Amino acid sequence: MTITIKKCTLEDLRKLQEISYETFNEAFKHQNSPENMKAYLERAFNLKQLEKELSNRFSQFFFIYSNNEVAGYLKVNTDDAQSEKMGDETLEIERIYVKKKFQKLGLGQYLLNKAMEIAAKHNKKTIWLGVWERNENAIAFYKKMGFVQTGAHSFYMGDEEQLDFIMTKTLI
């Protein structure tokens, strides 16, 4: 298995939208109403919104490829692009998704390592993320990777308020 990670550009906009829809649906459609899923997907992953995020100098997207097939993606934020005010010494992992057929192959670890590499390059002391309280597999993965729960915040799936755990990892 050949693994490569490539930074996304505006030319990747449609591919980013496709994988965003696919991975978010795989992860959450069975636990949310079709109406709330549709509302969230249309708001978060429309081309205009993704173009805005890709153009933000404090956000970066990366595709991970397995044998030349897009298997997942990562979005990290620093400074003002972070979804919560966590300070100048932090990097947010806003999205880290791997397609179902590529899960359990270590690709999440590759993406997490990429986020830590970026954090180190920007002299960040902490990385953090929000994870849905009902996403037990993701929570277990992050704990295994050294993250601890340090708080919580609201996340809106359509008109439904849900709770995301804020998990952080201190970098050395």
Protein backbone atom coordinates (compact mmCIF):
# COMPACT_ATOMS: atom_id res chain seq x y z
CA MET A 1 0.00 0.00 0.00
CA THR A 2 1.47 3.33 -1.11
CA ILE A 3 0.40 6.27 1.07
CA THR A 4 0.80 9.89 -0.01
CA ILE A 5 -0.50 13.16 1.43
CA LYS A 6 -1.08 16.15 -0.86
CA LYS A 7 -2.13 19.69 0.00
CA CYS A 8 -5.44 20.70 -1.58
CA THR A 9 -5.72 23.70 -3.88
CA LEU A 10 -8.69 25.47 -5.44
CA GLU A 11 -8.35 23.07 -8.39
CA ASP A 12 -9.34 20.29 -5.96
CA LEU A 13 -12.60 21.99 -4.96
CA ARG A 14 -15.02 19.46 -6.48
CA LYS A 15 -12.96 16.49 -5.28
CA LEU A 16 -12.95 18.01 -1.79
CA GLN A 17 -16.71 18.45 -1.90
CA GLU A 18 -17.18 14.82 -2.99
CA ILE A 19 -15.07 13.34 -0.23
CA SER A 20 -16.58 15.72 2.34
CA TYR A 21 -20.09 14.55 1.49
CA GLU A 22 -19.09 10.89 1.30
CA THR A 23 -17.16 10.67 4.55
CA PHE A 24 -19.59 12.79 6.56
CA ASN A 25 -22.51 10.66 5.35
CA GLU A 26 -20.66 7.44 6.16
CA ALA A 27 -19.88 8.68 9.63
CA PHE A 28 -23.18 10.24 10.68
CA LYS A 29 -26.18 9.50 8.45
CA HIS A 30 -27.34 6.52 10.53
CA GLN A 31 -27.53 8.62 13.70
CA ASN A 32 -29.19 11.75 12.35
CA SER A 33 -32.38 12.62 10.52
CA PRO A 34 -32.20 12.93 6.72
CA GLU A 35 -33.43 16.54 7.03
CA ASN A 36 -30.67 17.54 9.45
CA MET A 37 -28.02 15.75 7.40
CA LYS A 38 -29.16 17.49 4.22
CA ALA A 39 -29.23 20.90 5.91
CA TYR A 40 -25.74 20.45 7.35
CA LEU A 41 -24.18 19.07 4.17
CA GLU A 42 -25.62 21.89 2.06
CA ARG A 43 -24.39 24.54 4.50
CA ALA A 44 -20.94 23.14 5.30
CA PHE A 45 -19.90 21.64 1.98
CA ASN A 46 -21.37 23.83 -0.73
CA LEU A 47 -18.76 24.93 -3.28
CA LYS A 48 -18.83 28.57 -2.21
CA GLN A 49 -18.21 27.66 1.45
CA LEU A 50 -15.40 25.22 0.61
CA GLU A 51 -13.79 27.78 -1.71
CA LYS A 52 -13.88 30.34 1.11
CA GLU A 53 -12.25 27.85 3.51
CA LEU A 54 -9.62 26.78 0.96
CA SER A 55 -8.76 30.44 0.36
CA ASN A 56 -8.28 31.23 4.05
CA ARG A 57 -4.55 31.60 4.71
CA PHE A 58 -4.99 30.19 8.22
CA SER A 59 -6.64 26.96 7.01
CA GLN A 60 -5.12 24.06 5.10
CA PHE A 61 -6.68 20.95 3.57
CA PHE A 62 -4.85 17.75 2.67
CA PHE A 63 -5.92 14.61 0.82
CA ILE A 64 -4.51 11.26 1.82
CA TYR A 65 -4.14 8.76 -1.01
CA SER A 66 -3.89 5.00 -0.77
CA ASN A 67 -2.50 3.53 -3.99
CA ASN A 68 -3.41 6.74 -5.85
CA GLU A 69 -7.04 6.75 -4.65
CA VAL A 70 -8.29 9.54 -2.39
CA ALA A 71 -8.92 7.77 0.90
CA GLY A 72 -9.58 10.69 3.24
CA TYR A 73 -8.77 14.26 4.12
CA LEU A 74 -7.63 16.61 6.85
CA LYS A 75 -8.45 20.26 7.58
CA VAL A 76 -6.36 22.22 10.08
CA ASN A 77 -6.83 25.79 11.30
CA THR A 78 -4.60 28.26 13.09
CA ASP A 79 -5.06 31.77 14.39
CA ASP A 80 -8.40 33.38 13.42
CA ALA A 81 -9.59 30.39 11.38
CA GLN A 82 -10.10 28.26 14.48
CA SER A 83 -13.72 27.50 15.28
CA GLU A 84 -13.13 28.36 18.96
CA LYS A 85 -10.84 30.97 20.51
CA MET A 86 -8.11 28.69 21.83
CA GLY A 87 -5.16 31.06 21.66
CA ASP A 88 -2.21 31.73 19.41
CA GLU A 89 -0.28 28.65 20.49
CA THR A 90 -2.88 26.16 19.25
CA LEU A 91 -3.74 24.36 16.03
CA GLU A 92 -7.24 23.01 15.43
CA ILE A 93 -7.95 19.79 13.58
CA GLU A 94 -11.37 20.77 12.28
CA ARG A 95 -11.88 17.75 10.03
CA ILE A 96 -10.15 14.42 9.83
CA TYR A 97 -12.04 11.81 7.83
CA VAL A 98 -11.16 8.51 6.21
CA LYS A 99 -13.52 6.65 3.85
CA LYS A 100 -15.05 3.55 5.45
CA LYS A 101 -13.27 1.14 3.10
CA PHE A 102 -9.90 2.60 4.15
CA GLN A 103 -10.51 2.63 7.90
CA LYS A 104 -8.42 0.46 10.24
CA LEU A 105 -5.40 0.77 7.93
CA GLY A 106 -3.58 3.47 9.91
CA LEU A 107 -4.49 6.36 7.62
CA GLY A 108 -5.94 8.39 10.48
CA GLN A 109 -2.55 8.17 12.16
CA TYR A 110 -0.88 9.53 9.00
CA LEU A 111 -3.28 12.49 8.95
CA LEU A 112 -2.80 13.12 12.66
CA ASN A 113 0.97 13.05 12.18
CA LYS A 114 0.58 15.60 9.36
CA ALA A 115 -1.37 17.88 11.72
CA MET A 116 1.34 17.56 14.38
CA GLU A 117 4.02 18.31 11.78
CA ILE A 118 2.18 21.49 10.77
CA ALA A 119 1.72 22.48 14.42
CA ALA A 120 5.45 22.03 15.07
CA LYS A 121 6.35 24.03 11.95
CA HIS A 122 4.19 26.91 13.24
CA ASN A 123 5.54 26.60 16.82
CA LYS A 124 2.16 25.58 18.23
CA LYS A 125 2.18 24.02 21.69
CA THR A 126 -1.23 22.34 21.58
CA ILE A 127 -3.49 20.70 19.03
CA TRP A 128 -7.20 20.34 19.62
CA LEU A 129 -10.37 19.09 17.99
CA GLY A 130 -14.07 18.71 18.59
CA VAL A 131 -15.56 15.22 18.40
CA TRP A 132 -19.23 14.26 18.75
CA GLU A 133 -19.89 12.72 22.16
CA ARG A 134 -21.57 9.73 20.43
CA ASN A 135 -18.62 9.01 18.08
CA GLU A 136 -17.09 6.38 20.33
CA ASN A 137 -14.62 4.99 17.78
CA ALA A 138 -13.14 8.44 17.12
CA ILE A 139 -12.95 9.25 20.83
CA ALA A 140 -11.12 5.97 21.50
CA PHE A 141 -8.69 6.71 18.64
CA TYR A 142 -7.93 10.21 19.92
CA LYS A 143 -7.40 8.95 23.47
CA LYS A 144 -5.01 6.31 22.13
CA MET A 145 -3.15 9.12 20.34
CA GLY A 146 -2.72 11.07 23.58
CA PHE A 147 -5.67 13.47 23.48
CA VAL A 148 -7.63 14.25 26.63
CA GLN A 149 -11.07 15.81 26.98
CA THR A 150 -10.72 19.38 28.20
CA GLY A 151 -14.17 20.79 27.51
CA ALA A 152 -17.23 20.67 25.27
CA HIS A 153 -19.12 22.89 22.86
CA SER A 154 -22.34 22.87 20.87
CA PHE A 155 -22.42 21.61 17.30
CA TYR A 156 -25.50 22.09 15.16
CA MET A 157 -26.61 19.31 12.83
CA GLY A 158 -29.34 21.11 10.95
CA ASP A 159 -31.65 22.37 13.69
CA GLU A 160 -30.48 19.84 16.30
CA GLU A 161 -28.00 20.93 18.93
CA GLN A 162 -25.43 18.24 19.68
CA LEU A 163 -22.49 18.11 22.06
CA ASP A 164 -18.89 17.85 20.87
CA PHE A 165 -16.15 17.01 23.31
CA ILE A 166 -13.12 19.27 22.98
CA MET A 167 -10.01 17.10 23.11
CA THR A 168 -6.48 18.46 23.29
CA LYS A 169 -2.97 17.15 23.03
CA THR A 170 0.06 19.00 24.31
CA LEU A 171 3.05 18.86 22.00
CA ILE A 172 6.59 18.70 23.31
